[in-house]
N, C-alpha and C. Protein backbone atom coordinates (compact mmCIF):
# COMPACT_ATOMS: atom_id res chain seq x y z
N MET A 1 -7.48 -2.01 -11.06
CA MET A 1 -6.61 -3.07 -11.51
C MET A 1 -6.47 -4.10 -10.39
N PHE A 2 -6.69 -5.34 -10.70
CA PHE A 2 -6.54 -6.42 -9.73
C PHE A 2 -5.11 -6.92 -9.76
N PHE A 3 -4.53 -7.14 -8.59
CA PHE A 3 -3.22 -7.76 -8.49
C PHE A 3 -3.11 -8.45 -7.14
N GLU A 4 -2.15 -9.38 -7.07
CA GLU A 4 -1.91 -10.13 -5.84
C GLU A 4 -0.45 -9.97 -5.47
N VAL A 5 -0.18 -9.63 -4.22
CA VAL A 5 1.20 -9.51 -3.75
C VAL A 5 1.72 -10.91 -3.47
N LEU A 6 2.87 -11.24 -4.05
CA LEU A 6 3.48 -12.55 -3.86
C LEU A 6 4.64 -12.42 -2.87
N GLY A 7 4.65 -13.23 -1.86
CA GLY A 7 5.75 -13.20 -0.89
C GLY A 7 5.70 -11.99 0.02
N GLU A 8 6.87 -11.64 0.53
CA GLU A 8 6.99 -10.55 1.49
C GLU A 8 7.29 -9.23 0.79
N VAL A 9 6.81 -8.15 1.38
CA VAL A 9 7.13 -6.81 0.89
C VAL A 9 8.47 -6.41 1.50
N GLN A 10 9.40 -5.96 0.67
CA GLN A 10 10.74 -5.59 1.10
C GLN A 10 10.87 -4.07 1.17
N ASN A 11 11.88 -3.60 1.88
CA ASN A 11 12.23 -2.17 1.98
C ASN A 11 11.02 -1.31 2.36
N ILE A 12 10.28 -1.72 3.37
CA ILE A 12 9.09 -0.98 3.80
C ILE A 12 9.52 0.32 4.46
N GLU A 13 8.83 1.37 4.09
CA GLU A 13 9.17 2.70 4.59
C GLU A 13 7.89 3.51 4.78
N THR A 14 7.80 4.24 5.88
CA THR A 14 6.68 5.15 6.13
C THR A 14 7.07 6.52 5.63
N PHE A 15 6.24 7.13 4.76
CA PHE A 15 6.60 8.45 4.25
C PHE A 15 5.58 9.51 4.59
N ALA A 16 4.49 9.16 5.26
CA ALA A 16 3.54 10.16 5.76
C ALA A 16 2.76 9.52 6.89
N GLN A 17 2.37 10.33 7.88
CA GLN A 17 1.56 9.81 8.98
C GLN A 17 0.70 10.92 9.55
N GLY A 18 -0.45 10.51 10.08
CA GLY A 18 -1.38 11.45 10.71
C GLY A 18 -1.82 12.56 9.77
N SER A 19 -1.67 13.79 10.20
CA SER A 19 -2.16 14.93 9.43
C SER A 19 -1.35 15.19 8.16
N GLU A 20 -0.21 14.54 7.99
CA GLU A 20 0.57 14.67 6.76
C GLU A 20 -0.13 13.99 5.58
N ILE A 21 -1.06 13.08 5.86
CA ILE A 21 -1.80 12.37 4.82
C ILE A 21 -2.97 13.24 4.39
N ARG A 22 -3.05 13.54 3.09
CA ARG A 22 -4.13 14.39 2.59
C ARG A 22 -5.51 13.79 2.82
N GLU A 23 -5.62 12.48 2.74
CA GLU A 23 -6.92 11.82 2.80
C GLU A 23 -7.22 11.22 4.18
N VAL A 24 -6.58 11.70 5.23
CA VAL A 24 -6.76 11.10 6.55
C VAL A 24 -8.21 11.21 7.03
N GLY A 25 -8.91 12.28 6.71
CA GLY A 25 -10.32 12.42 7.09
C GLY A 25 -11.19 11.35 6.47
N ARG A 26 -10.98 11.10 5.18
CA ARG A 26 -11.74 10.06 4.48
C ARG A 26 -11.41 8.68 5.04
N LEU A 27 -10.15 8.42 5.33
CA LEU A 27 -9.75 7.13 5.89
C LEU A 27 -10.42 6.90 7.24
N LYS A 28 -10.47 7.93 8.08
CA LYS A 28 -11.12 7.79 9.38
C LYS A 28 -12.62 7.54 9.25
N ARG A 29 -13.26 8.24 8.31
CA ARG A 29 -14.70 8.02 8.10
C ARG A 29 -14.98 6.63 7.55
N GLN A 30 -14.16 6.19 6.61
CA GLN A 30 -14.42 4.92 5.92
C GLN A 30 -14.01 3.69 6.74
N TYR A 31 -12.86 3.76 7.43
CA TYR A 31 -12.32 2.57 8.10
C TYR A 31 -12.26 2.70 9.61
N GLY A 32 -12.31 3.91 10.15
CA GLY A 32 -12.26 4.09 11.59
C GLY A 32 -11.02 4.85 12.03
N PHE A 33 -11.04 5.25 13.30
CA PHE A 33 -9.94 6.02 13.86
C PHE A 33 -8.77 5.11 14.17
N GLY A 34 -7.60 5.62 13.96
CA GLY A 34 -6.37 4.88 14.24
C GLY A 34 -5.18 5.75 13.91
N ASN A 35 -4.01 5.25 14.16
CA ASN A 35 -2.77 5.95 13.84
C ASN A 35 -2.44 5.65 12.38
N TRP A 36 -2.99 6.43 11.46
CA TRP A 36 -2.85 6.17 10.03
C TRP A 36 -1.47 6.54 9.52
N ARG A 37 -0.90 5.65 8.70
CA ARG A 37 0.39 5.86 8.07
C ARG A 37 0.29 5.51 6.59
N LYS A 38 0.98 6.27 5.74
CA LYS A 38 1.08 5.93 4.32
C LYS A 38 2.45 5.30 4.15
N ARG A 39 2.47 4.07 3.59
CA ARG A 39 3.70 3.30 3.52
C ARG A 39 3.97 2.85 2.10
N LYS A 40 5.22 2.48 1.84
CA LYS A 40 5.59 1.96 0.54
C LYS A 40 6.62 0.86 0.70
N GLY A 41 6.70 0.00 -0.32
CA GLY A 41 7.65 -1.10 -0.31
C GLY A 41 7.75 -1.70 -1.69
N ILE A 42 8.63 -2.68 -1.82
CA ILE A 42 8.87 -3.35 -3.10
C ILE A 42 8.45 -4.81 -2.96
N ALA A 43 7.70 -5.30 -3.96
CA ALA A 43 7.23 -6.68 -3.91
C ALA A 43 7.00 -7.21 -5.32
N SER A 44 7.01 -8.53 -5.44
CA SER A 44 6.59 -9.17 -6.68
C SER A 44 5.07 -9.24 -6.66
N VAL A 45 4.44 -8.90 -7.78
CA VAL A 45 2.99 -8.93 -7.87
C VAL A 45 2.56 -9.74 -9.08
N ARG A 46 1.44 -10.43 -8.93
CA ARG A 46 0.84 -11.15 -10.06
C ARG A 46 -0.33 -10.32 -10.54
N LEU A 47 -0.29 -9.91 -11.81
CA LEU A 47 -1.34 -9.09 -12.39
C LEU A 47 -2.51 -9.94 -12.83
N ALA A 48 -3.60 -9.31 -13.21
CA ALA A 48 -4.82 -10.02 -13.59
C ALA A 48 -4.59 -10.95 -14.78
N ASP A 49 -3.66 -10.60 -15.68
CA ASP A 49 -3.41 -11.46 -16.85
C ASP A 49 -2.42 -12.58 -16.56
N GLY A 50 -1.94 -12.68 -15.31
CA GLY A 50 -1.07 -13.77 -14.90
C GLY A 50 0.41 -13.44 -14.92
N THR A 51 0.81 -12.31 -15.47
CA THR A 51 2.22 -11.95 -15.49
C THR A 51 2.68 -11.55 -14.09
N ILE A 52 3.95 -11.80 -13.83
CA ILE A 52 4.54 -11.47 -12.53
C ILE A 52 5.56 -10.36 -12.77
N ARG A 53 5.43 -9.27 -12.01
CA ARG A 53 6.31 -8.11 -12.16
C ARG A 53 6.81 -7.68 -10.79
N LEU A 54 7.95 -7.03 -10.77
CA LEU A 54 8.47 -6.40 -9.57
C LEU A 54 7.94 -4.97 -9.55
N ALA A 55 7.35 -4.56 -8.44
CA ALA A 55 6.68 -3.26 -8.41
C ALA A 55 6.88 -2.56 -7.06
N GLU A 56 6.81 -1.23 -7.11
CA GLU A 56 6.74 -0.44 -5.89
C GLU A 56 5.26 -0.30 -5.58
N ILE A 57 4.87 -0.68 -4.36
CA ILE A 57 3.46 -0.59 -3.98
C ILE A 57 3.31 0.39 -2.82
N HIS A 58 2.17 1.06 -2.77
CA HIS A 58 1.83 2.00 -1.70
C HIS A 58 0.54 1.54 -1.06
N TRP A 59 0.39 1.81 0.24
CA TRP A 59 -0.83 1.47 0.94
C TRP A 59 -0.97 2.34 2.19
N TYR A 60 -2.18 2.35 2.75
CA TYR A 60 -2.45 3.01 4.02
C TYR A 60 -2.55 1.91 5.07
N GLU A 61 -2.10 2.22 6.30
CA GLU A 61 -2.11 1.23 7.36
C GLU A 61 -2.37 1.91 8.69
N ALA A 62 -3.14 1.27 9.55
CA ALA A 62 -3.38 1.78 10.90
C ALA A 62 -3.37 0.60 11.88
N THR A 63 -2.88 0.86 13.07
CA THR A 63 -2.85 -0.15 14.12
C THR A 63 -4.27 -0.59 14.44
N GLY A 64 -4.49 -1.88 14.47
CA GLY A 64 -5.80 -2.43 14.78
C GLY A 64 -6.74 -2.50 13.58
N ILE A 65 -6.38 -1.85 12.49
CA ILE A 65 -7.21 -1.85 11.29
C ILE A 65 -6.53 -2.63 10.17
N GLY A 66 -5.23 -2.48 10.02
CA GLY A 66 -4.47 -3.21 9.02
C GLY A 66 -4.25 -2.42 7.73
N LYS A 67 -3.79 -3.13 6.69
CA LYS A 67 -3.50 -2.51 5.40
C LYS A 67 -4.79 -2.26 4.64
N ARG A 68 -4.86 -1.10 3.99
CA ARG A 68 -6.02 -0.75 3.17
C ARG A 68 -5.54 -0.05 1.91
N GLU A 69 -6.26 -0.23 0.83
CA GLU A 69 -6.08 0.49 -0.44
C GLU A 69 -4.67 0.35 -1.00
N THR A 70 -4.23 -0.86 -1.20
CA THR A 70 -2.93 -1.12 -1.80
C THR A 70 -2.98 -0.82 -3.28
N LYS A 71 -1.96 -0.13 -3.79
CA LYS A 71 -1.91 0.18 -5.22
C LYS A 71 -0.49 0.07 -5.73
N ILE A 72 -0.36 -0.19 -7.01
CA ILE A 72 0.94 -0.24 -7.67
C ILE A 72 1.28 1.18 -8.09
N LYS A 73 2.43 1.65 -7.64
CA LYS A 73 2.87 3.01 -8.01
C LYS A 73 3.70 2.97 -9.28
N CYS A 74 4.63 2.01 -9.39
CA CYS A 74 5.42 1.87 -10.62
C CYS A 74 6.02 0.47 -10.69
N TYR A 75 6.36 0.06 -11.90
CA TYR A 75 7.04 -1.22 -12.12
C TYR A 75 8.53 -0.98 -12.14
N LEU A 76 9.28 -1.90 -11.54
CA LEU A 76 10.72 -1.72 -11.42
C LEU A 76 11.52 -2.59 -12.37
N ASP A 77 10.89 -3.51 -13.07
CA ASP A 77 11.60 -4.33 -14.04
C ASP A 77 11.20 -3.91 -15.46
N GLN A 78 11.97 -4.31 -16.38
CA GLN A 78 11.69 -3.91 -17.78
C GLN A 78 11.02 -5.03 -18.54
């Protein structure tokens, strides 16, 4: 699913890091070694059909590598 994050991500929180991440081996092979963290936050997103929704998004992040594999976990508006 294609989407674009609009504005700033709010309420950013780290909920897993290093060996707590199930896919840390794959992340290291695919993107490189770093201090990997799994993070979440709330942001407005524009979906492929043009609608704008408030959503909880999750992503992986490492120092020197940046954000990777951002996904929408759930929509927060009705």
